[in-house]
Protein backbone atom coordinates (compact mmCIF):
# COMPACT_ATOMS: atom_id res chain seq x y z
CA UNK A 1 298.71 -46.48 -169.60
CA UNK A 2 297.20 -45.17 -172.82
CA UNK A 3 293.43 -45.49 -172.96
CA UNK A 4 290.84 -45.29 -175.71
CA UNK A 5 287.28 -45.30 -174.39
CA UNK A 6 285.66 -45.92 -177.77
CA UNK A 7 287.13 -47.20 -181.01
CA UNK A 8 286.47 -49.38 -184.02
CA UNK A 9 288.92 -51.94 -185.39
CA UNK A 10 289.78 -52.07 -189.06
CA UNK A 11 289.26 -55.41 -190.79
CA UNK A 12 292.99 -55.81 -191.35
CA UNK A 13 293.59 -55.78 -187.59
CA UNK A 14 296.22 -53.04 -187.59
CA UNK A 15 294.76 -51.16 -184.61
CA UNK A 16 294.19 -54.38 -182.69
CA UNK A 17 297.88 -55.22 -183.06
CA UNK A 18 298.87 -51.74 -181.85
CA UNK A 19 296.58 -52.10 -178.82
CA UNK A 20 298.07 -55.44 -177.87
CA UNK A 21 301.68 -54.33 -178.38
CA UNK A 22 301.24 -51.13 -176.36
CA UNK A 23 298.84 -52.47 -173.69
CA UNK A 24 296.26 -49.80 -174.52
CA UNK A 25 293.24 -49.97 -172.23
CA UNK A 26 290.47 -49.79 -174.83
CA UNK A 27 286.76 -50.38 -175.30
CA UNK A 28 286.25 -51.78 -178.80
CA UNK A 29 282.86 -51.44 -180.48
CA UNK A 30 281.11 -54.39 -182.14
CA UNK A 31 278.07 -53.58 -184.25
CA UNK A 32 276.97 -57.08 -185.19
CA UNK A 33 277.82 -60.79 -184.93
CA UNK A 34 280.51 -60.76 -187.65
CA UNK A 35 282.32 -57.80 -186.06
CA UNK A 36 282.03 -59.41 -182.64
CA UNK A 37 283.66 -62.63 -183.88
CA UNK A 38 286.47 -60.76 -185.65
CA UNK A 39 287.22 -58.43 -182.72
CA UNK A 40 286.94 -61.14 -180.06
CA UNK A 41 289.71 -63.01 -181.86
CA UNK A 42 291.89 -59.88 -182.05
CA UNK A 43 291.81 -58.31 -178.58
CA UNK A 44 294.42 -58.71 -175.88
CA UNK A 45 294.05 -58.72 -172.08
CA UNK A 46 293.82 -54.90 -171.86
CA UNK A 47 290.94 -54.51 -174.31
CA UNK A 48 287.21 -55.03 -173.76
CA UNK A 49 284.35 -55.36 -176.23
CA UNK A 50 281.04 -53.56 -176.39
CA UNK A 51 278.12 -54.88 -178.42
CA UNK A 52 275.03 -53.13 -179.70
CA UNK A 53 272.92 -52.26 -182.72
CA UNK A 54 274.07 -48.85 -183.94
CA UNK A 55 271.27 -46.51 -185.03
CA UNK A 56 272.58 -46.72 -188.59
CA UNK A 57 271.89 -50.48 -188.54
CA UNK A 58 268.56 -50.28 -186.72
CA UNK A 59 266.64 -51.11 -189.91
CA UNK A 60 268.59 -54.33 -190.51
CA UNK A 61 269.43 -55.82 -187.10
CA UNK A 62 266.88 -56.92 -184.50
CA UNK A 63 267.98 -56.93 -180.84
CA UNK A 64 265.58 -59.80 -180.13
CA UNK A 65 267.78 -62.10 -182.25
CA UNK A 66 271.05 -61.09 -180.55
CA UNK A 67 270.43 -62.17 -176.97
CA UNK A 68 273.60 -64.24 -176.62
CA UNK A 69 275.80 -61.26 -177.52
CA UNK A 70 274.20 -58.96 -174.96
CA UNK A 71 274.67 -61.66 -172.35
CA UNK A 72 278.40 -62.09 -172.92
CA UNK A 73 279.37 -58.50 -173.76
CA UNK A 74 280.63 -56.54 -170.73
CA UNK A 75 279.24 -53.30 -172.17
CA UNK A 76 276.20 -52.56 -174.36
CA UNK A 77 276.82 -50.12 -177.19
CA UNK A 78 277.23 -48.09 -179.07
CA UNK A 79 273.49 -47.54 -179.23
CA UNK A 80 271.39 -44.42 -179.62
CA UNK A 81 269.66 -42.13 -182.06
CA UNK A 82 270.92 -40.14 -185.05
CA UNK A 83 269.23 -37.63 -187.33
CA UNK A 84 272.45 -36.28 -188.88
CA UNK A 85 274.45 -39.13 -190.40
CA UNK A 86 271.79 -41.68 -191.39
CA UNK A 87 268.60 -41.84 -193.43
CA UNK A 88 267.08 -44.53 -191.23
CA UNK A 89 263.84 -42.94 -189.94
CA UNK A 90 263.77 -42.03 -186.28
CA UNK A 91 260.57 -44.07 -185.97
CA UNK A 92 262.63 -47.18 -186.80
CA UNK A 93 265.53 -46.23 -184.57
CA UNK A 94 263.50 -45.56 -181.43
CA UNK A 95 262.17 -49.06 -180.68
CA UNK A 96 265.58 -50.61 -181.34
CA UNK A 97 267.24 -48.11 -179.03
CA UNK A 98 264.71 -48.49 -176.23
CA UNK A 99 264.78 -52.28 -176.47
CA UNK A 100 268.54 -52.18 -175.91
CA UNK A 101 268.23 -49.76 -173.00
CA UNK A 102 265.83 -52.23 -171.41
CA UNK A 103 268.21 -55.14 -172.05
CA UNK A 104 271.14 -53.27 -170.52
CA UNK A 105 269.11 -52.31 -167.46
CA UNK A 106 267.89 -55.87 -166.99
CA UNK A 107 271.41 -57.30 -167.33
CA UNK A 108 272.95 -54.51 -165.18
CA UNK A 109 275.46 -53.63 -167.88
CA UNK A 110 276.81 -50.14 -168.67
CA UNK A 111 275.97 -48.45 -171.97
CA UNK A 112 277.84 -46.46 -174.64
CA UNK A 113 275.60 -43.84 -176.25
CA UNK A 114 275.52 -42.30 -179.73
CA UNK A 115 273.50 -39.07 -179.59
CA UNK A 116 274.05 -37.26 -182.89
CA UNK A 117 271.31 -34.68 -183.42
CA UNK A 118 269.07 -36.36 -180.82
CA UNK A 119 270.54 -35.06 -177.59
CA UNK A 120 267.17 -33.81 -176.31
CA UNK A 121 265.21 -36.92 -177.34
CA UNK A 122 267.58 -39.32 -175.56
CA UNK A 123 267.55 -37.64 -172.14
CA UNK A 124 264.06 -38.74 -171.00
CA UNK A 125 264.82 -42.32 -172.08
CA UNK A 126 267.89 -42.40 -169.86
CA UNK A 127 265.76 -41.31 -166.94
CA UNK A 128 263.32 -44.12 -167.72
CA UNK A 129 266.13 -46.69 -167.66
CA UNK A 130 268.55 -45.68 -164.87
CA UNK A 131 272.00 -47.09 -165.58
CA UNK A 132 275.66 -46.19 -165.95
CA UNK A 133 276.00 -44.30 -169.24
CA UNK A 134 278.97 -43.16 -171.30
CA UNK A 135 278.19 -40.60 -174.00
CA UNK A 136 280.80 -40.92 -176.70
CA UNK A 137 281.99 -37.98 -178.82
CA UNK A 138 279.36 -35.50 -177.61
CA UNK A 139 279.62 -32.51 -179.95
CA UNK A 140 276.66 -30.28 -179.07
CA UNK A 141 276.69 -27.20 -176.85
CA UNK A 142 273.12 -27.84 -175.72
CA UNK A 143 272.24 -30.27 -172.89
CA UNK A 144 275.81 -30.89 -171.75
CA UNK A 145 274.82 -30.01 -168.18
CA UNK A 146 271.79 -32.32 -168.37
CA UNK A 147 273.89 -35.35 -169.24
CA UNK A 148 276.45 -34.49 -166.60
CA UNK A 149 273.64 -34.14 -164.03
CA UNK A 150 272.70 -37.76 -164.78
CA UNK A 151 276.24 -38.83 -163.87
CA UNK A 152 277.22 -39.76 -167.42
CA UNK A 153 280.80 -40.35 -168.40
CA UNK A 154 281.71 -38.11 -171.36
CA UNK A 155 284.55 -38.71 -173.80
CA UNK A 156 286.58 -36.12 -175.64
CA UNK A 157 287.40 -37.09 -179.21
CA UNK A 158 289.87 -35.91 -181.84
CA UNK A 159 287.78 -32.92 -182.95
CA UNK A 160 288.77 -31.20 -179.71
CA UNK A 161 291.31 -29.54 -182.00
CA UNK A 162 288.58 -27.48 -183.69
CA UNK A 163 285.03 -27.96 -182.33
CA UNK A 164 283.96 -25.26 -179.81
CA UNK A 165 281.33 -27.56 -178.25
CA UNK A 166 283.88 -30.32 -177.63
CA UNK A 167 286.37 -27.83 -176.23
CA UNK A 168 283.70 -26.47 -173.87
CA UNK A 169 282.91 -29.98 -172.66
CA UNK A 170 286.61 -30.76 -172.21
CA UNK A 171 286.83 -27.85 -169.77
CA UNK A 172 283.69 -28.63 -167.76
CA UNK A 173 283.23 -32.41 -167.52
CA UNK A 174 283.98 -33.48 -163.91
CA UNK A 175 287.38 -35.09 -163.49
CA UNK A 176 285.89 -38.42 -162.43
CA UNK A 177 283.71 -38.62 -165.57
CA UNK A 178 286.30 -37.62 -168.19
CA UNK A 179 287.32 -40.13 -170.86
CA UNK A 180 289.46 -39.91 -174.01
CA UNK A 181 288.61 -41.62 -177.29
CA UNK A 182 289.82 -41.90 -180.88
CA UNK A 183 286.73 -43.58 -182.43
CA UNK A 184 289.30 -45.44 -184.53
CA UNK A 185 292.04 -44.49 -186.97
CA UNK A 186 289.55 -43.53 -189.68
CA UNK A 187 287.92 -41.05 -187.32
CA UNK A 188 291.25 -39.43 -186.53
CA UNK A 189 291.69 -38.92 -190.27
CA UNK A 190 288.17 -37.52 -190.64
CA UNK A 191 288.47 -35.13 -187.70
CA UNK A 192 291.85 -33.78 -188.72
CA UNK A 193 291.27 -33.59 -192.46
CA UNK A 194 294.28 -35.67 -193.47
CA UNK A 195 295.23 -39.31 -193.59
CA UNK A 196 296.35 -40.77 -190.27
CA UNK A 197 298.18 -44.07 -190.60
CA UNK A 198 297.81 -46.78 -187.96
CA UNK A 199 301.42 -46.29 -186.89
CA UNK A 200 300.54 -42.67 -186.00
CA UNK A 201 297.62 -43.71 -183.79
CA UNK A 202 299.49 -43.51 -180.46
CA UNK A 203 300.83 -40.07 -181.33
CA UNK A 204 297.22 -39.06 -182.11
CA UNK A 205 296.10 -40.15 -178.65
CA UNK A 206 298.93 -38.15 -177.10
CA UNK A 207 297.95 -35.11 -179.16
CA UNK A 208 294.33 -35.27 -177.99
CA UNK A 209 295.38 -35.72 -174.38
CA UNK A 210 297.76 -32.77 -174.58
CA UNK A 211 295.01 -30.51 -175.96
CA UNK A 212 292.54 -31.54 -173.26
CA UNK A 213 295.20 -31.12 -170.57
CA UNK A 214 295.97 -27.60 -171.80
CA UNK A 215 292.27 -26.69 -171.72
CA UNK A 216 292.05 -27.93 -168.12
CA UNK A 217 295.34 -26.42 -166.99
CA UNK A 218 297.06 -29.70 -166.14
CA UNK A 219 299.73 -31.99 -167.55
CA UNK A 220 299.26 -34.50 -170.33
CA UNK A 221 300.58 -37.34 -168.20
CA UNK A 222 298.18 -36.63 -165.35
CA UNK A 223 295.27 -36.30 -167.76
CA UNK A 224 296.07 -39.60 -169.46
CA UNK A 225 296.37 -41.38 -166.10
CA UNK A 226 293.03 -39.90 -165.04
CA UNK A 227 291.29 -41.00 -168.25
CA UNK A 228 292.66 -44.53 -167.94
CA UNK A 229 291.54 -44.75 -164.32
CA UNK A 230 288.06 -43.53 -165.25
CA UNK A 231 287.75 -46.04 -168.08
CA UNK A 232 288.83 -48.85 -165.78
CA UNK A 233 286.18 -47.73 -163.29
CA UNK A 234 283.49 -47.64 -165.98
CA UNK A 235 284.44 -51.16 -167.05
CA UNK A 236 284.24 -52.65 -163.55
């Protein structure tokens, strides 16, 4: 089974249709009520939804008003902190992030983390709210061992083709914590520097898996089966 531990659906529903047709085990991100409604209507039996206020939206969405979504979502996320890709001040992001960590801990639901530029700042918060965490698209050399020591799942994304930090993580993440992700078709295009069409999505997943398998000295098929098993375990 193909798996995609973290992705975003396009509004046209092209990736959702591919997931359903190919029985891709996938965790699909929802960043607000409108996206939740659209994605909930599009998924098939092999896809699951996550829900959370992304740090980029932490100035416009209040977790206190979204209780019903946290209650029904099987996974909370992606949530976190970011000082690289957003101008939202960290002082605004922090209370939104911590509120969602508290919600996830109280509801006993696993969490997808966004850590861009804030790898050090997030670690003590995870220790304050023990839970099952999945760090998506980790692309820093620093603190990899610290997150692994906390038992975090770690996904390898499409920039494994070129990013030394991602390649290092692909080699060292324990086998039972390794996941594969695309982050969506647009992210494949961004990471590879050329347009990737939805119909090329499955081939993109195979390419990523083959690269990770080569770095770990194993076969693509075994690596893909492992990643699917790990995602299924995370989603239990």
